Amino acid sequence: MKILVVDDMPLMRHVLINMLRKLEFKDLIEATDGVQALQLLHQHDFDLVITDLHMPKMDGKSLLNRIRDDQQLQNTPVLMVTCEDNASEIKEIIAAKVSGFIIKPFSLNILAKQLKKIAELV
């Protein structure tokens, strides 16, 4: 499974990538924001995008909307990672057809459960 990890914070990308490696995912690529992520999505085929919600240039919600509006990318699963607890913001993201949602901080077990849920949807 080829996974694109998108987060503006290097430490968060590092933590997430280490968790994914522990879950035996090897094909991992990083992006620092939604703009870079979109470029990579058009250059490579990804099985999953894991993105932070709050980022500069293009946030996770805008990235999700761009993926869903793009005929070539619209079926790519997107897992949103955030510390957001605003109910209306979360409802908007769910309405934009996010594949899964994880609230920070999270454990390896929670990540594994979300990845399993997404795999069952695909």
Protein backbone atom coordinates (compact mmCIF):
# COMPACT_ATOMS: atom_id res chain seq x y z
CA MET A 1 0.00 0.00 0.00
CA LYS A 2 1.42 3.36 -1.07
CA ILE A 3 0.60 6.09 1.48
CA LEU A 4 1.02 9.86 1.25
CA VAL A 5 1.51 11.50 4.67
CA VAL A 6 0.71 15.23 4.67
CA ASP A 7 1.54 17.46 7.64
CA ASP A 8 3.32 20.79 7.98
CA MET A 9 5.03 19.68 11.21
CA PRO A 10 8.09 17.48 10.59
CA LEU A 11 7.79 15.85 14.02
CA MET A 12 4.18 14.79 13.37
CA ARG A 13 5.12 13.35 9.96
CA HIS A 14 7.99 11.47 11.62
CA VAL A 15 5.73 10.05 14.37
CA LEU A 16 3.07 9.00 11.85
CA ILE A 17 5.58 7.40 9.50
CA ASN A 18 7.15 5.47 12.39
CA MET A 19 3.69 4.23 13.43
CA LEU A 20 2.94 3.16 9.85
CA ARG A 21 6.27 1.32 9.65
CA LYS A 22 5.43 -0.52 12.88
CA LEU A 23 2.21 -1.59 11.15
CA GLU A 24 4.43 -2.89 8.31
CA PHE A 25 3.63 -0.21 5.72
CA LYS A 26 6.78 0.48 3.74
CA ASP A 27 5.83 2.62 0.71
CA LEU A 28 5.49 6.02 2.41
CA ILE A 29 5.93 9.49 0.90
CA GLU A 30 5.76 12.82 2.75
CA ALA A 31 4.31 16.21 1.82
CA THR A 32 4.51 19.41 3.86
CA ASP A 33 1.15 20.89 2.80
CA GLY A 34 -1.84 20.38 0.54
CA VAL A 35 -0.21 22.09 -2.44
CA GLN A 36 2.75 19.71 -2.42
CA ALA A 37 0.40 16.78 -1.75
CA LEU A 38 -1.69 17.58 -4.85
CA GLN A 39 1.45 17.72 -7.00
CA LEU A 40 2.53 14.31 -5.69
CA LEU A 41 -0.98 12.89 -6.17
CA HIS A 42 -0.80 13.83 -9.85
CA GLN A 43 2.67 12.27 -10.23
CA HIS A 44 2.11 8.98 -8.37
CA ASP A 45 -0.69 6.53 -7.62
CA PHE A 46 -1.45 6.43 -3.89
CA ASP A 47 -3.67 3.96 -2.09
CA LEU A 48 -4.25 6.33 0.85
CA VAL A 49 -3.71 9.94 1.88
CA ILE A 50 -3.26 10.72 5.58
CA THR A 51 -3.47 14.47 6.09
CA ASP A 52 -3.47 16.97 8.89
CA LEU A 53 -6.39 19.41 8.93
CA HIS A 54 -4.62 22.66 9.81
CA MET A 55 -1.72 23.52 7.47
CA PRO A 56 -0.47 26.61 5.63
CA LYS A 57 -0.94 27.15 1.86
CA MET A 58 -3.71 24.53 1.56
CA ASP A 59 -5.33 22.93 4.59
CA GLY A 60 -6.57 19.35 4.84
CA LYS A 61 -10.20 20.24 4.14
CA SER A 62 -9.25 22.06 0.91
CA LEU A 63 -7.02 19.14 -0.06
CA LEU A 64 -9.88 16.71 0.57
CA ASN A 65 -12.24 18.83 -1.55
CA ARG A 66 -9.69 19.01 -4.40
CA ILE A 67 -9.22 15.22 -4.28
CA ARG A 68 -12.99 14.58 -4.32
CA ASP A 69 -13.48 17.06 -7.21
CA ASP A 70 -10.73 15.47 -9.34
CA GLN A 71 -12.01 12.62 -11.51
CA GLN A 72 -8.68 10.77 -11.36
CA LEU A 73 -8.29 11.12 -7.59
CA GLN A 74 -11.87 11.14 -6.28
CA ASN A 75 -11.83 7.52 -5.07
CA THR A 76 -8.55 7.86 -3.14
CA PRO A 77 -9.22 7.21 0.57
CA VAL A 78 -8.37 10.18 2.82
CA LEU A 79 -7.75 9.84 6.55
CA MET A 80 -7.92 13.19 8.36
CA VAL A 81 -5.78 13.73 11.46
CA THR A 82 -6.52 16.73 13.69
CA CYS A 83 -6.80 18.14 17.17
CA GLU A 84 -10.01 19.88 16.03
CA ASP A 85 -12.97 19.31 18.32
CA ASN A 86 -15.36 21.83 16.76
CA ALA A 87 -18.47 19.81 15.89
CA SER A 88 -19.49 21.95 12.90
CA GLU A 89 -15.97 21.73 11.41
CA ILE A 90 -15.97 17.94 11.83
CA LYS A 91 -19.44 17.69 10.22
CA GLU A 92 -18.19 19.68 7.21
CA ILE A 93 -15.25 17.31 6.78
CA ILE A 94 -17.52 14.26 7.03
CA ALA A 95 -19.88 15.85 4.49
CA ALA A 96 -16.86 16.28 2.16
CA LYS A 97 -16.58 12.47 2.15
CA VAL A 98 -13.53 11.92 4.32
CA SER A 99 -12.77 8.19 4.63
CA GLY A 100 -11.72 8.31 8.27
CA PHE A 101 -10.97 10.67 11.13
CA ILE A 102 -8.41 10.56 13.95
CA ILE A 103 -8.24 13.09 16.79
CA LYS A 104 -4.76 13.91 18.15
CA PRO A 105 -3.20 12.58 20.28
CA PHE A 106 -3.78 9.01 19.13
CA SER A 107 -2.23 5.62 19.69
CA LEU A 108 -0.87 3.02 17.29
CA ASN A 109 -3.97 0.94 18.05
CA ILE A 110 -6.35 3.73 16.97
CA LEU A 111 -4.38 4.27 13.75
CA ALA A 112 -4.47 0.52 13.02
CA LYS A 113 -8.26 0.40 13.57
CA GLN A 114 -8.84 3.36 11.22
CA LEU A 115 -6.60 1.84 8.53
CA LYS A 116 -8.47 -1.48 8.82
CA LYS A 117 -11.83 0.32 8.51
CA ILE A 118 -10.63 2.18 5.40
CA ALA A 119 -9.25 -1.03 3.86
CA GLU A 120 -12.68 -2.64 4.26
CA LEU A 121 -14.31 0.27 2.40
CA VAL A 122 -11.98 0.04 -0.60
